[in-house]
Amino acid sequence: MREFTQDMKNWLLAFISGSLTDESILRGFLKYYVGFNLCIIDVRLDVLNHTVFASAEMSYVEAEIRRVLSDATKVCQWEVERIVFNP
């Protein structure tokens, strides 16, 4: 079981305010959620339970995580194809 730390809260608040880069969003999501076998719904619950933000921010958080994960997946796929097909 994870503990909701001040670092996590700082990351979450910076994320909601839009001040994180895509890389910082991805790193934070992996560190604070995936590393504890948690998923996007858990980020939404943390927004609800540990901040004063409303449902609009929860939707933003979910959409941004999905976008960043999708972009990262595309980059990984491109790198694999580049390495395999253009040695």
C-alpha atoms as a PDB file:
ATOM      1  CA  MET A   1       0.000   0.000   0.000  1.00  0.00           C
ATOM      2  CA  ARG A   2       1.335   3.411  -0.909  1.00  0.00           C
ATOM      3  CA  GLU A   3       1.322   6.525   1.199  1.00  0.00           C
ATOM      4  CA  PHE A   4       0.172   9.811  -0.346  1.00  0.00           C
ATOM      5  CA  THR A   5       3.363  11.840   0.111  1.00  0.00           C
ATOM      6  CA  GLN A   6       4.044  15.540  -0.218  1.00  0.00           C
ATOM      7  CA  ASP A   7       6.064  14.808  -3.379  1.00  0.00           C
ATOM      8  CA  MET A   8       3.035  13.109  -4.913  1.00  0.00           C
ATOM      9  CA  LYS A   9       0.797  16.017  -3.970  1.00  0.00           C
ATOM     10  CA  ASN A  10       3.275  18.510  -5.453  1.00  0.00           C
ATOM     11  CA  TRP A  11       3.405  16.499  -8.681  1.00  0.00           C
ATOM     12  CA  LEU A  12      -0.380  16.234  -8.826  1.00  0.00           C
ATOM     13  CA  LEU A  13      -0.898  19.955  -8.231  1.00  0.00           C
ATOM     14  CA  ALA A  14       1.741  20.878 -10.820  1.00  0.00           C
ATOM     15  CA  PHE A  15       0.123  18.453 -13.248  1.00  0.00           C
ATOM     16  CA  ILE A  16      -3.355  19.901 -12.738  1.00  0.00           C
ATOM     17  CA  SER A  17      -2.058  23.454 -13.116  1.00  0.00           C
ATOM     18  CA  GLY A  18      -0.494  22.519 -16.465  1.00  0.00           C
ATOM     19  CA  SER A  19       3.072  23.330 -15.475  1.00  0.00           C
ATOM     20  CA  LEU A  20       4.587  19.893 -16.201  1.00  0.00           C
ATOM     21  CA  THR A  21       6.204  18.742 -19.422  1.00  0.00           C
ATOM     22  CA  ASP A  22       5.025  15.552 -21.066  1.00  0.00           C
ATOM     23  CA  GLU A  23       8.140  13.814 -19.775  1.00  0.00           C
ATOM     24  CA  SER A  24       7.417  14.952 -16.195  1.00  0.00           C
ATOM     25  CA  ILE A  25       3.826  13.757 -16.488  1.00  0.00           C
ATOM     26  CA  LEU A  26       4.983  10.367 -17.717  1.00  0.00           C
ATOM     27  CA  ARG A  27       7.720  10.041 -15.072  1.00  0.00           C
ATOM     28  CA  GLY A  28       5.340  11.019 -12.261  1.00  0.00           C
ATOM     29  CA  PHE A  29       2.618   8.660 -13.434  1.00  0.00           C
ATOM     30  CA  LEU A  30       5.089   5.792 -13.646  1.00  0.00           C
ATOM     31  CA  LYS A  31       6.707   6.624 -10.298  1.00  0.00           C
ATOM     32  CA  TYR A  32       3.629   7.362  -8.218  1.00  0.00           C
ATOM     33  CA  TYR A  33       1.033   5.095  -9.807  1.00  0.00           C
ATOM     34  CA  VAL A  34       2.296   2.373 -12.140  1.00  0.00           C
ATOM     35  CA  GLY A  35       5.091   1.543  -9.701  1.00  0.00           C
ATOM     36  CA  PHE A  36       2.396   0.725  -7.135  1.00  0.00           C
ATOM     37  CA  ASN A  37       0.251  -1.226  -9.611  1.00  0.00           C
ATOM     38  CA  LEU A  38      -2.233   1.638  -9.858  1.00  0.00           C
ATOM     39  CA  CYS A  39      -3.872   3.156 -12.933  1.00  0.00           C
ATOM     40  CA  ILE A  40      -5.463   6.324 -14.313  1.00  0.00           C
ATOM     41  CA  ILE A  41      -8.595   5.975 -12.180  1.00  0.00           C
ATOM     42  CA  ASP A  42      -6.375   6.188  -9.103  1.00  0.00           C
ATOM     43  CA  VAL A  43      -5.019   9.531 -10.297  1.00  0.00           C
ATOM     44  CA  ARG A  44      -8.610  10.751 -10.658  1.00  0.00           C
ATOM     45  CA  LEU A  45      -9.389   9.543  -7.137  1.00  0.00           C
ATOM     46  CA  ASP A  46      -6.333  11.352  -5.763  1.00  0.00           C
ATOM     47  CA  VAL A  47      -7.476  14.564  -7.467  1.00  0.00           C
ATOM     48  CA  LEU A  48     -10.865  14.110  -5.820  1.00  0.00           C
ATOM     49  CA  ASN A  49      -9.610  13.082  -2.377  1.00  0.00           C
ATOM     50  CA  HIS A  50      -6.414  15.104  -1.964  1.00  0.00           C
ATOM     51  CA  THR A  51      -7.058  18.385  -3.771  1.00  0.00           C
ATOM     52  CA  VAL A  52      -9.775  21.012  -3.973  1.00  0.00           C
ATOM     53  CA  PHE A  53     -10.236  20.611  -7.725  1.00  0.00           C
ATOM     54  CA  ALA A  54     -13.491  19.587  -9.373  1.00  0.00           C
ATOM     55  CA  SER A  55     -14.516  17.015 -11.947  1.00  0.00           C
ATOM     56  CA  ALA A  56     -13.325  19.153 -14.867  1.00  0.00           C
ATOM     57  CA  GLU A  57      -9.761  18.759 -13.634  1.00  0.00           C
ATOM     58  CA  MET A  58     -10.255  15.014 -13.228  1.00  0.00           C
ATOM     59  CA  SER A  59     -11.252  14.789 -16.882  1.00  0.00           C
ATOM     60  CA  TYR A  60      -8.244  16.896 -17.867  1.00  0.00           C
ATOM     61  CA  VAL A  61      -5.919  14.632 -15.869  1.00  0.00           C
ATOM     62  CA  GLU A  62      -7.272  11.495 -17.506  1.00  0.00           C
ATOM     63  CA  ALA A  63      -7.118  12.959 -21.019  1.00  0.00           C
ATOM     64  CA  GLU A  64      -3.561  14.239 -20.539  1.00  0.00           C
ATOM     65  CA  ILE A  65      -2.263  10.937 -19.165  1.00  0.00           C
ATOM     66  CA  ARG A  66      -3.859   9.073 -22.060  1.00  0.00           C
ATOM     67  CA  ARG A  67      -2.340  11.542 -24.552  1.00  0.00           C
ATOM     68  CA  VAL A  68       1.143  11.336 -23.007  1.00  0.00           C
ATOM     69  CA  LEU A  69       1.020   7.529 -22.884  1.00  0.00           C
ATOM     70  CA  SER A  70      -0.154   7.395 -26.488  1.00  0.00           C
ATOM     71  CA  ASP A  71       2.625   9.743 -27.618  1.00  0.00           C
ATOM     72  CA  ALA A  72       5.236   7.738 -25.697  1.00  0.00           C
ATOM     73  CA  THR A  73       3.983   4.521 -27.282  1.00  0.00           C
ATOM     74  CA  LYS A  74       4.265   6.036 -30.756  1.00  0.00           C
ATOM     75  CA  VAL A  75       7.824   7.148 -30.064  1.00  0.00           C
ATOM     76  CA  CYS A  76       8.757   3.685 -28.805  1.00  0.00           C
ATOM     77  CA  GLN A  77       7.202   2.052 -31.873  1.00  0.00           C
ATOM     78  CA  TRP A  78       9.058   4.471 -34.157  1.00  0.00           C
ATOM     79  CA  GLU A  79      12.367   3.704 -32.409  1.00  0.00           C
ATOM     80  CA  VAL A  80      11.827  -0.053 -32.696  1.00  0.00           C
ATOM     81  CA  GLU A  81      11.037   0.249 -36.408  1.00  0.00           C
ATOM     82  CA  ARG A  82      14.063   2.517 -36.946  1.00  0.00           C
ATOM     83  CA  ILE A  83      16.397   0.070 -35.226  1.00  0.00           C
ATOM     84  CA  VAL A  84      14.980  -3.067 -36.824  1.00  0.00           C
ATOM     85  CA  PHE A  85      14.521  -1.811 -40.375  1.00  0.00           C
ATOM     86  CA  ASN A  86      17.398   0.669 -40.627  1.00  0.00           C
ATOM     87  CA  PRO A  87      20.360  -0.878 -38.815  1.00  0.00           C
END
